[in-house]
Amino acid sequence: MTGQRVHERFPIRLPVTVVHEGRSFETETRNLSLGGAFVELESDIPFGAPVRVHMRVPKSTELIDVESVVRWKQADGLGVQFGSLRALDTWALNQLFKAHAAGA
């Protein structure tokens, strides 16, 4: 089926930095999954643009730094699809999602 998400999204607000063509934008996520995030950002970054997303997840001391692509835009933000996450990044995100689901 077309248009269905592969990964469950969680309404998690997390500080992130989005980097595009040498410009850094400090913002936060509105929702997050293993496949990507919606970031609150009013910018001129176009649909399909490559970006880098940097974020810290509470269960990890490592910075997640992932190549991503803008997959959709709306007035108040961007939907970004993550490229390949490291195993440690995937683990840390899954721990965050488990804690969120448990109400922590």
C-alpha atoms as a PDB file:
ATOM      1  CA  MET A   1       0.000   0.000   0.000  1.00  0.00           C
ATOM      2  CA  THR A   2       1.226   3.467  -0.809  1.00  0.00           C
ATOM      3  CA  GLY A   3       1.357   6.213   1.812  1.00  0.00           C
ATOM      4  CA  GLN A   4       1.411   4.011   4.906  1.00  0.00           C
ATOM      5  CA  ARG A   5       4.098   4.643   7.482  1.00  0.00           C
ATOM      6  CA  VAL A   6       6.512   1.843   8.196  1.00  0.00           C
ATOM      7  CA  HIS A   7       7.396   3.135  11.680  1.00  0.00           C
ATOM      8  CA  GLU A   8       5.035   4.250  14.432  1.00  0.00           C
ATOM      9  CA  ARG A   9       5.260   7.972  15.226  1.00  0.00           C
ATOM     10  CA  PHE A  10       5.361   9.240  18.786  1.00  0.00           C
ATOM     11  CA  PRO A  11       4.365  12.770  19.887  1.00  0.00           C
ATOM     12  CA  ILE A  12       7.769  13.514  21.383  1.00  0.00           C
ATOM     13  CA  ARG A  13       9.312  16.959  21.621  1.00  0.00           C
ATOM     14  CA  LEU A  14      13.084  16.776  21.425  1.00  0.00           C
ATOM     15  CA  PRO A  15      15.607  19.549  20.673  1.00  0.00           C
ATOM     16  CA  VAL A  16      17.197  19.096  17.240  1.00  0.00           C
ATOM     17  CA  THR A  17      19.492  20.924  14.883  1.00  0.00           C
ATOM     18  CA  VAL A  18      18.721  20.782  11.173  1.00  0.00           C
ATOM     19  CA  VAL A  19      21.642  21.627   8.877  1.00  0.00           C
ATOM     20  CA  HIS A  20      21.084  22.611   5.257  1.00  0.00           C
ATOM     21  CA  GLU A  21      23.713  24.069   2.932  1.00  0.00           C
ATOM     22  CA  GLY A  22      25.889  25.202   5.827  1.00  0.00           C
ATOM     23  CA  ARG A  23      23.044  26.840   7.766  1.00  0.00           C
ATOM     24  CA  SER A  24      22.019  25.438  11.148  1.00  0.00           C
ATOM     25  CA  PHE A  25      18.492  25.731  12.509  1.00  0.00           C
ATOM     26  CA  GLU A  26      17.837  25.038  16.207  1.00  0.00           C
ATOM     27  CA  THR A  27      14.323  23.681  16.685  1.00  0.00           C
ATOM     28  CA  GLU A  28      12.445  20.711  18.116  1.00  0.00           C
ATOM     29  CA  THR A  29      10.530  17.709  16.929  1.00  0.00           C
ATOM     30  CA  ARG A  30       6.760  17.571  17.108  1.00  0.00           C
ATOM     31  CA  ASN A  31       6.767  13.832  16.480  1.00  0.00           C
ATOM     32  CA  LEU A  32       9.437  11.223  15.992  1.00  0.00           C
ATOM     33  CA  SER A  33       9.888   7.681  14.671  1.00  0.00           C
ATOM     34  CA  LEU A  34      12.714   5.412  13.585  1.00  0.00           C
ATOM     35  CA  GLY A  35      12.059   6.552  10.034  1.00  0.00           C
ATOM     36  CA  GLY A  36      11.985  10.301  10.537  1.00  0.00           C
ATOM     37  CA  ALA A  37      10.481  13.275  12.300  1.00  0.00           C
ATOM     38  CA  PHE A  38       8.362  16.349  11.913  1.00  0.00           C
ATOM     39  CA  VAL A  39      10.441  19.358  12.943  1.00  0.00           C
ATOM     40  CA  GLU A  40       8.968  22.749  13.696  1.00  0.00           C
ATOM     41  CA  LEU A  41      10.774  25.051  11.304  1.00  0.00           C
ATOM     42  CA  GLU A  42       9.717  27.932   9.120  1.00  0.00           C
ATOM     43  CA  SER A  43      12.396  28.021   6.420  1.00  0.00           C
ATOM     44  CA  ASP A  44      13.067  28.054   2.732  1.00  0.00           C
ATOM     45  CA  ILE A  45      14.460  24.512   2.720  1.00  0.00           C
ATOM     46  CA  PRO A  46      12.812  22.920  -0.323  1.00  0.00           C
ATOM     47  CA  PHE A  47      11.006  19.608  -0.658  1.00  0.00           C
ATOM     48  CA  GLY A  48      13.511  16.883  -1.535  1.00  0.00           C
ATOM     49  CA  ALA A  49      16.480  18.745  -0.073  1.00  0.00           C
ATOM     50  CA  PRO A  50      19.171  16.794   1.746  1.00  0.00           C
ATOM     51  CA  VAL A  51      19.633  17.855   5.382  1.00  0.00           C
ATOM     52  CA  ARG A  52      21.481  16.577   8.425  1.00  0.00           C
ATOM     53  CA  VAL A  53      19.649  16.126  11.684  1.00  0.00           C
ATOM     54  CA  HIS A  54      21.509  16.258  15.015  1.00  0.00           C
ATOM     55  CA  MET A  55      19.815  15.319  18.270  1.00  0.00           C
ATOM     56  CA  ARG A  56      20.494  13.896  21.700  1.00  0.00           C
ATOM     57  CA  VAL A  57      18.276  11.184  23.065  1.00  0.00           C
ATOM     58  CA  PRO A  58      18.010  10.789  26.874  1.00  0.00           C
ATOM     59  CA  LYS A  59      19.144   7.128  26.921  1.00  0.00           C
ATOM     60  CA  SER A  60      22.385   7.818  25.026  1.00  0.00           C
ATOM     61  CA  THR A  61      25.446   9.972  25.538  1.00  0.00           C
ATOM     62  CA  GLU A  62      26.110   9.878  21.788  1.00  0.00           C
ATOM     63  CA  LEU A  63      24.856  12.573  19.430  1.00  0.00           C
ATOM     64  CA  ILE A  64      22.607  11.200  16.712  1.00  0.00           C
ATOM     65  CA  ASP A  65      23.842  12.683  13.437  1.00  0.00           C
ATOM     66  CA  VAL A  66      21.855  11.366  10.493  1.00  0.00           C
ATOM     67  CA  GLU A  67      21.633  12.307   6.837  1.00  0.00           C
ATOM     68  CA  SER A  68      17.997  12.971   6.022  1.00  0.00           C
ATOM     69  CA  VAL A  69      15.735  14.209   3.233  1.00  0.00           C
ATOM     70  CA  VAL A  70      12.816  16.657   3.359  1.00  0.00           C
ATOM     71  CA  ARG A  71       9.803  14.536   2.351  1.00  0.00           C
ATOM     72  CA  TRP A  72       7.030  17.061   2.999  1.00  0.00           C
ATOM     73  CA  LYS A  73       6.537  20.658   4.052  1.00  0.00           C
ATOM     74  CA  GLN A  74       3.860  22.749   5.635  1.00  0.00           C
ATOM     75  CA  ALA A  75       3.832  26.324   6.914  1.00  0.00           C
ATOM     76  CA  ASP A  76       5.158  25.479  10.377  1.00  0.00           C
ATOM     77  CA  GLY A  77       7.614  22.693   9.657  1.00  0.00           C
ATOM     78  CA  LEU A  78       9.216  19.909   7.689  1.00  0.00           C
ATOM     79  CA  GLY A  79       8.783  16.167   7.560  1.00  0.00           C
ATOM     80  CA  VAL A  80      12.231  14.609   7.285  1.00  0.00           C
ATOM     81  CA  GLN A  81      13.031  11.026   6.460  1.00  0.00           C
ATOM     82  CA  PHE A  82      16.124   9.651   8.147  1.00  0.00           C
ATOM     83  CA  GLY A  83      18.813   7.844   6.213  1.00  0.00           C
ATOM     84  CA  SER A  84      20.723   5.026   7.893  1.00  0.00           C
ATOM     85  CA  LEU A  85      20.790   5.126  11.666  1.00  0.00           C
ATOM     86  CA  ARG A  86      23.602   3.462  13.591  1.00  0.00           C
ATOM     87  CA  ALA A  87      22.667   0.509  15.805  1.00  0.00           C
ATOM     88  CA  LEU A  88      23.271   2.626  18.920  1.00  0.00           C
ATOM     89  CA  ASP A  89      20.957   5.359  17.571  1.00  0.00           C
ATOM     90  CA  THR A  90      18.208   2.826  16.851  1.00  0.00           C
ATOM     91  CA  TRP A  91      18.568   1.367  20.352  1.00  0.00           C
ATOM     92  CA  ALA A  92      18.436   4.803  22.010  1.00  0.00           C
ATOM     93  CA  LEU A  93      15.356   5.847  20.025  1.00  0.00           C
ATOM     94  CA  ASN A  94      13.602   2.569  20.839  1.00  0.00           C
ATOM     95  CA  GLN A  95      14.333   3.106  24.550  1.00  0.00           C
ATOM     96  CA  LEU A  96      12.827   6.603  24.267  1.00  0.00           C
ATOM     97  CA  PHE A  97       9.715   5.227  22.549  1.00  0.00           C
ATOM     98  CA  LYS A  98       9.290   2.505  25.202  1.00  0.00           C
ATOM     99  CA  ALA A  99       9.556   5.074  27.989  1.00  0.00           C
ATOM    100  CA  HIS A 100       7.051   7.334  26.223  1.00  0.00           C
ATOM    101  CA  ALA A 101       4.595   4.452  25.712  1.00  0.00           C
ATOM    102  CA  ALA A 102       4.923   3.543  29.390  1.00  0.00           C
ATOM    103  CA  GLY A 103       4.106   7.124  30.368  1.00  0.00           C
ATOM    104  CA  ALA A 104       7.549   7.952  31.731  1.00  0.00           C
END
